[in-house]
Amino acid sequence: MLTNRFSILFFVTTLAALSLQGCNNTQPNTTSKTERKNLECIAPAKPGGGFDLTCRLAANSLKESKLISQPMQVKYLPGGIGALAYNNIVGSRNKDPNIIIAASTGSALNLAQGKFGEYDENAVRWLAALGADFGVVVVNSDSPWQNLGDLMEALKKNPESVVFGAAGSIGSQDWMKASLLAKAAGLDPKQMRFVAYEGGGEALASVLGGQTQVCPCDVSEMKGQLESGKFRILAVLADDRLEDEFAEYPTAVEQGYDVTWPVWRGYYVPPNITEEEYQWWVDKMTKLVETPEFKQELANRGLFPYVTIGSEYETLVKKQVKDFRELVKEIGLSK
């Protein structure tokens, strides 16, 4: 099945990347004595979503581990679900060595569909992925749907009665999660109602406000949200149950619906920085992932261990974009 193929693809490439990670750890440290100031992480969305989380993972742990002497600023550049930031970096800040830009599996998916305009996956330097996330199906705690089966029955009975709200437009990874759920319910994804938002924070707010009924968002976006009692998780889109605070929530698979969606969270840098400047970032990220401060921040953000840095990450992203081009054809988004 389509979902199985994607899940297997992701985890095979994950294992390959992890096995190659030791190669990065042996790279010569040629830039460790170079200090930089005015570092930035750009989140290509409004505050509160997955890109914000990704930037803060790097910014907080780099500072706490003392790998940088000054705080890294997190700035927001929403627009086109990443397209504005991508075009800005390639077109205007293509030589800036002091910025990293948050990216995810969704970025690769958008690139596969040509949503970043004239620029493709070869237009930037891919730096690192530092954690993994999983899709999750979330409703308001007042929702009549107690489990995924209830939601699927409502979809089957009347697709118009269910409104999905999530980050990204048609073809985004959140749209893909919703479309896979629709297909599992026997529907054409084009039949579902979907409201696009710039980020996961806005999408969750729409569920609370009643503008939408379901958010096919990510586990990490629910970190710290569950204690409020305002949301209910119907399913986690992983092959197996997660650990710790998410262990009580069943997967879609165990509820009889073969829908999974793993997500890597990473960063790219401008295309025209020097090799030495690129290796400075590679060196920082390689050291960072070994620190207790990073591991604690990863847990605090609700992310799961997944590390691939430098050339191996670049290879991974480009292969995934290629595979996504086939996936979007399969689901009917392109010819």
C-alpha atoms as a PDB file:
ATOM      1  CA  MET A   1       0.000   0.000   0.000  1.00  0.00           C
ATOM      2  CA  LEU A   2       0.995   3.629  -0.505  1.00  0.00           C
ATOM      3  CA  THR A   3       1.357   4.319   3.230  1.00  0.00           C
ATOM      4  CA  ASN A   4       3.420   1.203   3.839  1.00  0.00           C
ATOM      5  CA  ARG A   5       5.743   2.112   0.973  1.00  0.00           C
ATOM      6  CA  PHE A   6       6.305   5.595   2.378  1.00  0.00           C
ATOM      7  CA  SER A   7       6.852   4.348   5.920  1.00  0.00           C
ATOM      8  CA  ILE A   8       9.329   1.694   4.828  1.00  0.00           C
ATOM      9  CA  LEU A   9      11.154   4.193   2.619  1.00  0.00           C
ATOM     10  CA  PHE A  10      11.535   6.642   5.494  1.00  0.00           C
ATOM     11  CA  PHE A  11      12.839   4.172   8.015  1.00  0.00           C
ATOM     12  CA  VAL A  12      15.213   2.447   5.587  1.00  0.00           C
ATOM     13  CA  THR A  13      16.762   5.804   4.757  1.00  0.00           C
ATOM     14  CA  THR A  14      16.780   6.657   8.450  1.00  0.00           C
ATOM     15  CA  LEU A  15      18.763   3.533   9.319  1.00  0.00           C
ATOM     16  CA  ALA A  16      21.143   4.193   6.478  1.00  0.00           C
ATOM     17  CA  ALA A  17      21.658   7.760   7.608  1.00  0.00           C
ATOM     18  CA  LEU A  18      22.218   6.755  11.213  1.00  0.00           C
ATOM     19  CA  SER A  19      24.737   4.106  10.217  1.00  0.00           C
ATOM     20  CA  LEU A  20      26.644   6.700   8.228  1.00  0.00           C
ATOM     21  CA  GLN A  21      26.546   9.278  10.985  1.00  0.00           C
ATOM     22  CA  GLY A  22      29.857   8.153  12.390  1.00  0.00           C
ATOM     23  CA  CYS A  23      31.471   9.403   9.194  1.00  0.00           C
ATOM     24  CA  ASN A  24      30.412  12.935  10.087  1.00  0.00           C
ATOM     25  CA  ASN A  25      31.832  12.611  13.576  1.00  0.00           C
ATOM     26  CA  THR A  26      35.286  11.978  12.137  1.00  0.00           C
ATOM     27  CA  GLN A  27      35.401  15.094   9.973  1.00  0.00           C
ATOM     28  CA  PRO A  28      38.375  17.316  10.748  1.00  0.00           C
ATOM     29  CA  ASN A  29      37.512  20.250  12.948  1.00  0.00           C
ATOM     30  CA  THR A  30      38.913  23.074  10.849  1.00  0.00           C
ATOM     31  CA  THR A  31      36.659  25.865  12.060  1.00  0.00           C
ATOM     32  CA  SER A  32      36.124  25.218  15.776  1.00  0.00           C
ATOM     33  CA  LYS A  33      38.129  28.285  16.796  1.00  0.00           C
ATOM     34  CA  THR A  34      36.052  30.604  14.656  1.00  0.00           C
ATOM     35  CA  GLU A  35      33.478  32.571  16.623  1.00  0.00           C
ATOM     36  CA  ARG A  36      30.376  34.003  15.035  1.00  0.00           C
ATOM     37  CA  LYS A  37      27.885  36.577  16.189  1.00  0.00           C
ATOM     38  CA  ASN A  38      24.337  37.537  15.233  1.00  0.00           C
ATOM     39  CA  LEU A  39      23.296  33.967  14.499  1.00  0.00           C
ATOM     40  CA  GLU A  40      19.705  33.451  13.337  1.00  0.00           C
ATOM     41  CA  CYS A  41      17.318  30.611  12.786  1.00  0.00           C
ATOM     42  CA  ILE A  42      14.480  31.446  10.424  1.00  0.00           C
ATOM     43  CA  ALA A  43      11.157  29.708  10.958  1.00  0.00           C
ATOM     44  CA  PRO A  44       9.223  29.854   7.646  1.00  0.00           C
ATOM     45  CA  ALA A  45       5.858  30.193   9.413  1.00  0.00           C
ATOM     46  CA  LYS A  46       4.159  32.086  12.217  1.00  0.00           C
ATOM     47  CA  PRO A  47       5.030  31.303  15.867  1.00  0.00           C
ATOM     48  CA  GLY A  48       3.714  28.174  17.508  1.00  0.00           C
ATOM     49  CA  GLY A  49       4.133  25.482  14.879  1.00  0.00           C
ATOM     50  CA  GLY A  50       6.682  22.872  13.876  1.00  0.00           C
ATOM     51  CA  PHE A  51       9.151  25.287  12.255  1.00  0.00           C
ATOM     52  CA  ASP A  52       9.164  27.420  15.393  1.00  0.00           C
ATOM     53  CA  LEU A  53       9.847  24.297  17.444  1.00  0.00           C
ATOM     54  CA  THR A  54      12.657  23.254  15.097  1.00  0.00           C
ATOM     55  CA  CYS A  55      14.395  26.609  15.398  1.00  0.00           C
ATOM     56  CA  ARG A  56      14.101  26.647  19.169  1.00  0.00           C
ATOM     57  CA  LEU A  57      15.529  23.135  19.390  1.00  0.00           C
ATOM     58  CA  ALA A  58      18.763  24.403  17.808  1.00  0.00           C
ATOM     59  CA  ALA A  59      18.805  27.866  19.366  1.00  0.00           C
ATOM     60  CA  ASN A  60      18.185  26.718  22.932  1.00  0.00           C
ATOM     61  CA  SER A  61      20.493  23.713  22.954  1.00  0.00           C
ATOM     62  CA  LEU A  62      23.357  25.493  21.186  1.00  0.00           C
ATOM     63  CA  LYS A  63      23.274  28.209  23.843  1.00  0.00           C
ATOM     64  CA  GLU A  64      22.762  25.877  26.826  1.00  0.00           C
ATOM     65  CA  SER A  65      25.604  23.630  25.713  1.00  0.00           C
ATOM     66  CA  LYS A  66      27.843  26.719  25.333  1.00  0.00           C
ATOM     67  CA  LEU A  67      28.657  25.847  21.739  1.00  0.00           C
ATOM     68  CA  ILE A  68      27.823  29.458  20.876  1.00  0.00           C
ATOM     69  CA  SER A  69      28.619  32.435  23.090  1.00  0.00           C
ATOM     70  CA  GLN A  70      25.634  34.609  22.190  1.00  0.00           C
ATOM     71  CA  PRO A  71      21.965  33.626  21.881  1.00  0.00           C
ATOM     72  CA  MET A  72      20.706  32.644  18.456  1.00  0.00           C
ATOM     73  CA  GLN A  73      17.705  34.723  17.446  1.00  0.00           C
ATOM     74  CA  VAL A  74      14.593  33.011  16.130  1.00  0.00           C
ATOM     75  CA  LYS A  75      12.875  35.023  13.412  1.00  0.00           C
ATOM     76  CA  TYR A  76       9.700  34.322  11.473  1.00  0.00           C
ATOM     77  CA  LEU A  77       9.188  34.584   7.729  1.00  0.00           C
ATOM     78  CA  PRO A  78       5.797  33.072   6.907  1.00  0.00           C
ATOM     79  CA  GLY A  79       4.516  32.852   3.382  1.00  0.00           C
ATOM     80  CA  GLY A  80       3.752  30.088   0.951  1.00  0.00           C
ATOM     81  CA  ILE A  81       4.407  27.388   3.577  1.00  0.00           C
ATOM     82  CA  GLY A  82       8.151  27.907   3.297  1.00  0.00           C
ATOM     83  CA  ALA A  83       8.348  29.298  -0.235  1.00  0.00           C
ATOM     84  CA  LEU A  84       8.935  32.907   0.817  1.00  0.00           C
ATOM     85  CA  ALA A  85      11.814  31.980   3.115  1.00  0.00           C
ATOM     86  CA  TYR A  86      13.353  29.629   0.534  1.00  0.00           C
ATOM     87  CA  ASN A  87      13.243  32.260  -2.194  1.00  0.00           C
ATOM     88  CA  ASN A  88      14.528  34.959   0.158  1.00  0.00           C
ATOM     89  CA  ILE A  89      17.533  32.873   1.178  1.00  0.00           C
ATOM     90  CA  VAL A  90      18.411  31.830  -2.363  1.00  0.00           C
ATOM     91  CA  GLY A  91      17.769  35.226  -3.909  1.00  0.00           C
ATOM     92  CA  SER A  92      18.792  37.769  -1.270  1.00  0.00           C
ATOM     93  CA  ARG A  93      20.823  36.139   1.502  1.00  0.00           C
ATOM     94  CA  ASN A  94      22.617  33.455  -0.429  1.00  0.00           C
ATOM     95  CA  LYS A  95      26.042  34.234   1.078  1.00  0.00           C
ATOM     96  CA  ASP A  96      25.030  34.783   4.714  1.00  0.00           C
ATOM     97  CA  PRO A  97      26.955  32.288   6.885  1.00  0.00           C
ATOM     98  CA  ASN A  98      25.104  33.197  10.083  1.00  0.00           C
ATOM     99  CA  ILE A  99      21.651  31.810   9.345  1.00  0.00           C
ATOM    100  CA  ILE A 100      20.024  28.421   9.341  1.00  0.00           C
ATOM    101  CA  ILE A 101      16.469  27.834   8.147  1.00  0.00           C
ATOM    102  CA  ALA A 102      14.071  25.280   9.593  1.00  0.00           C
ATOM    103  CA  ALA A 103      12.858  22.535   7.274  1.00  0.00           C
ATOM    104  CA  SER A 104      10.973  19.261   7.498  1.00  0.00           C
ATOM    105  CA  THR A 105       9.602  16.373   5.505  1.00  0.00           C
ATOM    106  CA  GLY A 106       6.947  18.876   4.414  1.00  0.00           C
ATOM    107  CA  SER A 107       9.624  21.034   2.802  1.00  0.00           C
ATOM    108  CA  ALA A 108      10.754  18.073   0.711  1.00  0.00           C
ATOM    109  CA  LEU A 109       7.141  17.406  -0.235  1.00  0.00           C
ATOM    110  CA  ASN A 110       6.616  21.021  -1.337  1.00  0.00           C
ATOM    111  CA  LEU A 111       9.814  20.951  -3.367  1.00  0.00           C
ATOM    112  CA  ALA A 112       8.638  17.779  -5.075  1.00  0.00           C
ATOM    113  CA  GLN A 113       5.516  19.639  -6.220  1.00  0.00           C
ATOM    114  CA  GLY A 114       7.372  22.721  -7.409  1.00  0.00           C
ATOM    115  CA  LYS A 115       5.784  24.922  -4.752  1.00  0.00           C
ATOM    116  CA  PHE A 116       8.958  26.934  -4.188  1.00  0.00           C
ATOM    117  CA  GLY A 117       8.821  28.440  -7.654  1.00  0.00           C
ATOM    118  CA  GLU A 118      11.889  28.333  -9.862  1.00  0.00           C
ATOM    119  CA  TYR A 119      14.108  26.837  -7.153  1.00  0.00           C
ATOM    120  CA  ASP A 120      14.405  23.112  -6.559  1.00  0.00           C
ATOM    121  CA  GLU A 121      16.092  20.958  -3.907  1.00  0.00           C
ATOM    122  CA  ASN A 122      19.522  21.766  -5.353  1.00  0.00           C
ATOM    123  CA  ALA A 123      19.216  25.506  -4.671  1.00  0.00           C
ATOM    124  CA  VAL A 124      20.414  25.405  -1.026  1.00  0.00           C
ATOM    125  CA  ARG A 125      22.870  23.472   1.165  1.00  0.00           C
ATOM    126  CA  TRP A 126      21.172  20.923   3.391  1.00  0.00           C
ATOM    127  CA  LEU A 127      22.748  20.981   6.842  1.00  0.00           C
ATOM    128  CA  ALA A 128      21.241  18.490   9.290  1.00  0.00           C
ATOM    129  CA  ALA A 129      18.188  16.750  10.654  1.00  0.00           C
ATOM    130  CA  LEU A 130      18.236  16.631  14.455  1.00  0.00           C
ATOM    131  CA  GLY A 131      14.995  14.921  15.401  1.00  0.00           C
ATOM    132  CA  ALA A 132      11.963  12.990  14.233  1.00  0.00           C
ATOM    133  CA  ASP A 133       8.297  13.581  14.754  1.00  0.00           C
ATOM    134  CA  PHE A 134       5.080  11.775  13.824  1.00  0.00           C
ATOM    135  CA  GLY A 135       1.706  12.826  12.554  1.00  0.00           C
ATOM    136  CA  VAL A 136      -1.185  12.878  14.990  1.00  0.00           C
ATOM    137  CA  VAL A 137      -4.964  13.256  14.617  1.00  0.00           C
ATOM    138  CA  VAL A 138      -6.303  15.820  17.083  1.00  0.00           C
ATOM    139  CA  VAL A 139      -9.781  17.087  17.909  1.00  0.00           C
ATOM    140  CA  ASN A 140     -11.294  19.419  20.473  1.00  0.00           C
ATOM    141  CA  SER A 141     -11.915  17.675  23.821  1.00  0.00           C
ATOM    142  CA  ASP A 142     -15.623  18.475  23.346  1.00  0.00           C
ATOM    143  CA  SER A 143     -15.703  16.575  20.055  1.00  0.00           C
ATOM    144  CA  PRO A 144     -18.240  13.734  19.788  1.00  0.00           C
ATOM    145  CA  TRP A 145     -15.501  11.529  18.273  1.00  0.00           C
ATOM    146  CA  GLN A 146     -13.823   9.429  20.945  1.00  0.00           C
ATOM    147  CA  ASN A 147     -11.521   7.442  18.676  1.00  0.00           C
ATOM    148  CA  LEU A 148     -10.365   7.258  15.079  1.00  0.00           C
ATOM    149  CA  GLY A 149     -13.152   4.854  14.179  1.00  0.00           C
ATOM    150  CA  ASP A 150     -15.755   7.475  15.149  1.00  0.00           C
ATOM    151  CA  LEU A 151     -14.091  10.049  12.915  1.00  0.00           C
ATOM    152  CA  MET A 152     -13.828   7.654   9.999  1.00  0.00           C
ATOM    153  CA  GLU A 153     -17.498   6.707  10.284  1.00  0.00           C
ATOM    154  CA  ALA A 154     -18.426  10.402  10.219  1.00  0.00           C
ATOM    155  CA  LEU A 155     -16.309  10.862   7.096  1.00  0.00           C
ATOM    156  CA  LYS A 156     -17.942   7.907   5.392  1.00  0.00           C
ATOM    157  CA  LYS A 157     -21.439   9.044   6.313  1.00  0.00           C
ATOM    158  CA  ASN A 158     -21.036  12.691   5.340  1.00  0.00           C
ATOM    159  CA  PRO A 159     -17.640  14.051   4.186  1.00  0.00           C
ATOM    160  CA  GLU A 160     -19.051  17.582   4.318  1.00  0.00           C
ATOM    161  CA  SER A 161     -19.527  17.327   8.089  1.00  0.00           C
ATOM    162  CA  VAL A 162     -15.800  17.042   8.822  1.00  0.00           C
ATOM    163  CA  VAL A 163     -13.508  20.040   8.354  1.00  0.00           C
ATOM    164  CA  PHE A 164      -9.757  19.488   8.565  1.00  0.00           C
ATOM    165  CA  GLY A 165      -7.607  22.466   9.531  1.00  0.00           C
ATOM    166  CA  ALA A 166      -3.836  22.260   9.275  1.00  0.00           C
ATOM    167  CA  ALA A 167      -0.639  23.947   8.203  1.00  0.00           C
ATOM    168  CA  GLY A 168      -0.189  24.175   4.466  1.00  0.00           C
ATOM    169  CA  SER A 169      -2.291  24.205   1.352  1.00  0.00           C
ATOM    170  CA  ILE A 170      -3.339  21.330  -0.871  1.00  0.00           C
ATOM    171  CA  GLY A 171      -0.369  19.012  -1.248  1.00  0.00           C
ATOM    172  CA  SER A 172       1.293  19.930   2.049  1.00  0.00           C
ATOM    173  CA  GLN A 173       2.247  17.151   4.430  1.00  0.00           C
ATOM    174  CA  ASP A 174      -0.713  17.926   6.701  1.00  0.00           C
ATOM    175  CA  TRP A 175      -2.990  17.778   3.660  1.00  0.00           C
ATOM    176  CA  MET A 176      -1.350  14.463   2.782  1.00  0.00           C
ATOM    177  CA  LYS A 177      -2.131  13.091   6.262  1.00  0.00           C
ATOM    178  CA  ALA A 178      -5.755  14.158   5.903  1.00  0.00           C
ATOM    179  CA  SER A 179      -5.955  12.742   2.381  1.00  0.00           C
ATOM    180  CA  LEU A 180      -4.559   9.382   3.516  1.00  0.00           C
ATOM    181  CA  LEU A 181      -7.216   9.276   6.223  1.00  0.00           C
ATOM    182  CA  ALA A 182      -9.861  10.108   3.621  1.00  0.00           C
ATOM    183  CA  LYS A 183      -8.589   7.331   1.341  1.00  0.00           C
ATOM    184  CA  ALA A 184      -8.659   4.911   4.286  1.00  0.00           C
ATOM    185  CA  ALA A 185     -12.309   5.848   4.739  1.00  0.00           C
ATOM    186  CA  GLY A 186     -12.948   5.016   1.087  1.00  0.00           C
ATOM    187  CA  LEU A 187     -13.177   8.617  -0.101  1.00  0.00           C
ATOM    188  CA  ASP A 188     -11.509  10.552  -2.872  1.00  0.00           C
ATOM    189  CA  PRO A 189      -9.283  13.112  -1.060  1.00  0.00           C
ATOM    190  CA  LYS A 190     -10.845  15.808  -3.227  1.00  0.00           C
ATOM    191  CA  GLN A 191     -14.119  15.224  -1.377  1.00  0.00           C
ATOM    192  CA  MET A 192     -12.749  16.305   1.998  1.00  0.00           C
ATOM    193  CA  ARG A 193     -13.044  19.810   3.394  1.00  0.00           C
ATOM    194  CA  PHE A 194      -9.686  21.361   4.228  1.00  0.00           C
ATOM    195  CA  VAL A 195      -8.786  24.814   5.592  1.00  0.00           C
ATOM    196  CA  ALA A 196      -5.158  25.896   5.162  1.00  0.00           C
ATOM    197  CA  TYR A 197      -3.197  27.826   7.785  1.00  0.00           C
ATOM    198  CA  GLU A 198       0.370  29.135   7.825  1.00  0.00           C
ATOM    199  CA  GLY A 199       1.388  27.067  10.842  1.00  0.00           C
ATOM    200  CA  GLY A 200       0.367  24.383  13.297  1.00  0.00           C
ATOM    201  CA  GLY A 201      -0.316  26.929  16.030  1.00  0.00           C
ATOM    202  CA  GLU A 202      -3.032  28.579  13.941  1.00  0.00           C
ATOM    203  CA  ALA A 203      -4.483  25.203  12.986  1.00  0.00           C
ATOM    204  CA  LEU A 204      -4.779  24.080  16.613  1.00  0.00           C
ATOM    205  CA  ALA A 205      -6.388  27.410  17.498  1.00  0.00           C
ATOM    206  CA  SER A 206      -8.970  26.813  14.759  1.00  0.00           C
ATOM    207  CA  VAL A 207      -9.882  23.465  16.337  1.00  0.00           C
ATOM    208  CA  LEU A 208     -10.327  25.145  19.704  1.00  0.00           C
ATOM    209  CA  GLY A 209     -12.381  27.930  18.147  1.00  0.00           C
ATOM    210  CA  GLY A 210     -14.647  25.548  16.261  1.00  0.00           C
ATOM    211  CA  GLN A 211     -13.730  26.809  12.795  1.00  0.00           C
ATOM    212  CA  THR A 212     -12.432  23.305  12.045  1.00  0.00           C
ATOM    213  CA  GLN A 213     -12.994  19.905  13.655  1.00  0.00           C
ATOM    214  CA  VAL A 214      -9.765  17.966  13.069  1.00  0.00           C
ATOM    215  CA  CYS A 215      -6.073  18.868  13.006  1.00  0.00           C
ATOM    216  CA  PRO A 216      -3.798  16.315  11.280  1.00  0.00           C
ATOM    217  CA  CYS A 217      -0.775  17.915  12.941  1.00  0.00           C
ATOM    218  CA  ASP A 218       2.356  16.550  14.641  1.00  0.00           C
ATOM    219  CA  VAL A 219       3.121  14.976  18.008  1.00  0.00           C
ATOM    220  CA  SER A 220       5.665  17.679  18.865  1.00  0.00           C
ATOM    221  CA  GLU A 221       3.040  20.386  18.401  1.00  0.00           C
ATOM    222  CA  MET A 222       1.008  18.716  21.143  1.00  0.00           C
ATOM    223  CA  LYS A 223       3.861  18.877  23.653  1.00  0.00           C
ATOM    224  CA  GLY A 224       2.596  20.988  26.527  1.00  0.00           C
ATOM    225  CA  GLN A 225      -0.899  21.227  25.022  1.00  0.00           C
ATOM    226  CA  LEU A 226      -2.374  18.073  26.506  1.00  0.00           C
ATOM    227  CA  GLU A 227      -2.198  19.258  30.109  1.00  0.00           C
ATOM    228  CA  SER A 228      -4.760  21.939  29.287  1.00  0.00           C
ATOM    229  CA  GLY A 229      -7.378  19.249  28.693  1.00  0.00           C
ATOM    230  CA  LYS A 230      -8.577  21.132  25.614  1.00  0.00           C
ATOM    231  CA  PHE A 231      -7.552  18.539  23.040  1.00  0.00           C
ATOM    232  CA  ARG A 232      -8.083  14.845  22.420  1.00  0.00           C
ATOM    233  CA  ILE A 233      -5.691  12.682  20.407  1.00  0.00           C
ATOM    234  CA  LEU A 234      -7.569  10.145  18.291  1.00  0.00           C
ATOM    235  CA  ALA A 235      -4.523   8.484  16.737  1.00  0.00           C
ATOM    236  CA  VAL A 236      -0.767   8.693  16.305  1.00  0.00           C
ATOM    237  CA  LEU A 237       0.473   8.085  12.756  1.00  0.00           C
ATOM    238  CA  ALA A 238       3.382   5.801  13.688  1.00  0.00           C
ATOM    239  CA  ASP A 239       3.894   2.089  13.168  1.00  0.00           C
ATOM    240  CA  ASP A 240       3.994   1.452  16.924  1.00  0.00           C
ATOM    241  CA  ARG A 241       2.939   3.318  20.040  1.00  0.00           C
ATOM    242  CA  LEU A 242       5.276   6.034  21.195  1.00  0.00           C
ATOM    243  CA  GLU A 243       6.831   6.189  24.631  1.00  0.00           C
ATOM    244  CA  ASP A 244       6.449   8.298  27.779  1.00  0.00           C
ATOM    245  CA  GLU A 245       3.564  10.775  27.829  1.00  0.00           C
ATOM    246  CA  PHE A 246       2.247   9.651  24.425  1.00  0.00           C
ATOM    247  CA  ALA A 247       2.240   5.942  25.241  1.00  0.00           C
ATOM    248  CA  GLU A 248      -1.480   5.921  26.048  1.00  0.00           C
ATOM    249  CA  TYR A 249      -2.528   7.079  22.596  1.00  0.00           C
ATOM    250  CA  PRO A 250      -3.226   4.337  20.034  1.00  0.00           C
ATOM    251  CA  THR A 251      -1.859   4.355  16.523  1.00  0.00           C
ATOM    252  CA  ALA A 252      -4.076   4.459  13.463  1.00  0.00           C
ATOM    253  CA  VAL A 253      -2.614   1.076  12.526  1.00  0.00           C
ATOM    254  CA  GLU A 254      -3.796  -0.633  15.695  1.00  0.00           C
ATOM    255  CA  GLN A 255      -7.262   0.864  15.138  1.00  0.00           C
ATOM    256  CA  GLY A 256      -7.432  -0.807  11.757  1.00  0.00           C
ATOM    257  CA  TYR A 257      -6.309   2.024   9.459  1.00  0.00           C
ATOM    258  CA  ASP A 258      -2.944   1.663   7.733  1.00  0.00           C
ATOM    259  CA  VAL A 259      -1.925   5.317   7.847  1.00  0.00           C
ATOM    260  CA  THR A 260       1.531   6.420   9.015  1.00  0.00           C
ATOM    261  CA  TRP A 261       3.425   9.684   8.644  1.00  0.00           C
ATOM    262  CA  PRO A 262       6.945  10.103  10.084  1.00  0.00           C
ATOM    263  CA  VAL A 263       8.533  13.558   9.955  1.00  0.00           C
ATOM    264  CA  TRP A 264      12.168  14.640  10.172  1.00  0.00           C
ATOM    265  CA  ARG A 265      13.000  18.112  11.445  1.00  0.00           C
ATOM    266  CA  GLY A 266      16.101  19.788  10.123  1.00  0.00           C
ATOM    267  CA  TYR A 267      17.813  22.817   8.626  1.00  0.00           C
ATOM    268  CA  TYR A 268      19.307  24.196   5.436  1.00  0.00           C
ATOM    269  CA  VAL A 269      21.764  27.054   4.873  1.00  0.00           C
ATOM    270  CA  PRO A 270      22.308  29.530   2.021  1.00  0.00           C
ATOM    271  CA  PRO A 271      23.765  28.059  -1.169  1.00  0.00           C
ATOM    272  CA  ASN A 272      26.776  30.304  -1.651  1.00  0.00           C
ATOM    273  CA  ILE A 273      28.465  30.193   1.727  1.00  0.00           C
ATOM    274  CA  THR A 274      32.012  28.863   1.598  1.00  0.00           C
ATOM    275  CA  GLU A 275      32.866  25.253   2.302  1.00  0.00           C
ATOM    276  CA  GLU A 276      34.620  26.365   5.482  1.00  0.00           C
ATOM    277  CA  GLU A 277      31.491  28.214   6.627  1.00  0.00           C
ATOM    278  CA  TYR A 278      29.363  25.159   5.871  1.00  0.00           C
ATOM    279  CA  GLN A 279      31.751  22.907   7.788  1.00  0.00           C
ATOM    280  CA  TRP A 280      31.546  25.274  10.760  1.00  0.00           C
ATOM    281  CA  TRP A 281      27.840  24.459  11.005  1.00  0.00           C
ATOM    282  CA  VAL A 282      28.460  20.752  10.432  1.00  0.00           C
ATOM    283  CA  ASP A 283      30.999  20.782  13.255  1.00  0.00           C
ATOM    284  CA  LYS A 284      28.613  22.587  15.620  1.00  0.00           C
ATOM    285  CA  MET A 285      25.735  20.213  14.887  1.00  0.00           C
ATOM    286  CA  THR A 286      27.950  17.128  15.203  1.00  0.00           C
ATOM    287  CA  LYS A 287      29.099  18.263  18.640  1.00  0.00           C
ATOM    288  CA  LEU A 288      25.635  19.433  19.661  1.00  0.00           C
ATOM    289  CA  VAL A 289      23.870  16.092  19.303  1.00  0.00           C
ATOM    290  CA  GLU A 290      26.268  14.500  21.792  1.00  0.00           C
ATOM    291  CA  THR A 291      25.509  16.985  24.581  1.00  0.00           C
ATOM    292  CA  PRO A 292      23.088  16.333  27.466  1.00  0.00           C
ATOM    293  CA  GLU A 293      21.593  19.774  26.854  1.00  0.00           C
ATOM    294  CA  PHE A 294      20.534  18.802  23.338  1.00  0.00           C
ATOM    295  CA  LYS A 295      19.106  15.468  24.441  1.00  0.00           C
ATOM    296  CA  GLN A 296      17.055  17.194  27.128  1.00  0.00           C
ATOM    297  CA  GLU A 297      15.805  19.826  24.686  1.00  0.00           C
ATOM    298  CA  LEU A 298      14.855  17.090  22.226  1.00  0.00           C
ATOM    299  CA  ALA A 299      12.760  15.400  24.921  1.00  0.00           C
ATOM    300  CA  ASN A 300      11.264  18.726  26.026  1.00  0.00           C
ATOM    301  CA  ARG A 301      10.125  19.390  22.476  1.00  0.00           C
ATOM    302  CA  GLY A 302       8.449  16.003  22.102  1.00  0.00           C
ATOM    303  CA  LEU A 303      10.856  14.886  19.393  1.00  0.00           C
ATOM    304  CA  PHE A 304      12.475  11.499  18.948  1.00  0.00           C
ATOM    305  CA  PRO A 305      16.155  10.763  18.228  1.00  0.00           C
ATOM    306  CA  TYR A 306      17.055  11.006  14.546  1.00  0.00           C
ATOM    307  CA  VAL A 307      20.371  12.497  13.454  1.00  0.00           C
ATOM    308  CA  THR A 308      21.893  12.862  10.016  1.00  0.00           C
ATOM    309  CA  ILE A 309      24.361  15.659   9.261  1.00  0.00           C
ATOM    310  CA  GLY A 310      26.179  17.102   6.272  1.00  0.00           C
ATOM    311  CA  SER A 311      26.530  15.212   3.000  1.00  0.00           C
ATOM    312  CA  GLU A 312      24.483  12.214   4.185  1.00  0.00           C
ATOM    313  CA  TYR A 313      21.575  14.522   5.011  1.00  0.00           C
ATOM    314  CA  GLU A 314      21.881  16.251   1.653  1.00  0.00           C
ATOM    315  CA  THR A 315      21.688  12.879  -0.086  1.00  0.00           C
ATOM    316  CA  LEU A 316      18.686  11.870   2.030  1.00  0.00           C
ATOM    317  CA  VAL A 317      16.704  15.030   1.232  1.00  0.00           C
ATOM    318  CA  LYS A 318      17.329  14.841  -2.496  1.00  0.00           C
ATOM    319  CA  LYS A 319      16.315  11.191  -2.635  1.00  0.00           C
ATOM    320  CA  GLN A 320      13.174  11.894  -0.652  1.00  0.00           C
ATOM    321  CA  VAL A 321      12.173  14.732  -2.973  1.00  0.00           C
ATOM    322  CA  LYS A 322      12.560  12.345  -5.893  1.00  0.00           C
ATOM    323  CA  ASP A 323      10.406   9.715  -4.173  1.00  0.00           C
ATOM    324  CA  PHE A 324       7.768  12.302  -3.251  1.00  0.00           C
ATOM    325  CA  ARG A 325       7.425  13.230  -6.910  1.00  0.00           C
ATOM    326  CA  GLU A 326       6.244   9.678  -7.478  1.00  0.00           C
ATOM    327  CA  LEU A 327       3.993   9.780  -4.401  1.00  0.00           C
ATOM    328  CA  VAL A 328       2.097  12.902  -5.489  1.00  0.00           C
ATOM    329  CA  LYS A 329       1.442  11.272  -8.849  1.00  0.00           C
ATOM    330  CA  GLU A 330       0.087   8.207  -7.089  1.00  0.00           C
ATOM    331  CA  ILE A 331      -2.318  10.194  -4.939  1.00  0.00           C
ATOM    332  CA  GLY A 332      -3.556  12.225  -7.911  1.00  0.00           C
ATOM    333  CA  LEU A 333      -1.921  15.622  -7.373  1.00  0.00           C
ATOM    334  CA  SER A 334       0.100  15.607 -10.592  1.00  0.00           C
ATOM    335  CA  LYS A 335       0.274  13.837 -13.915  1.00  0.00           C
END
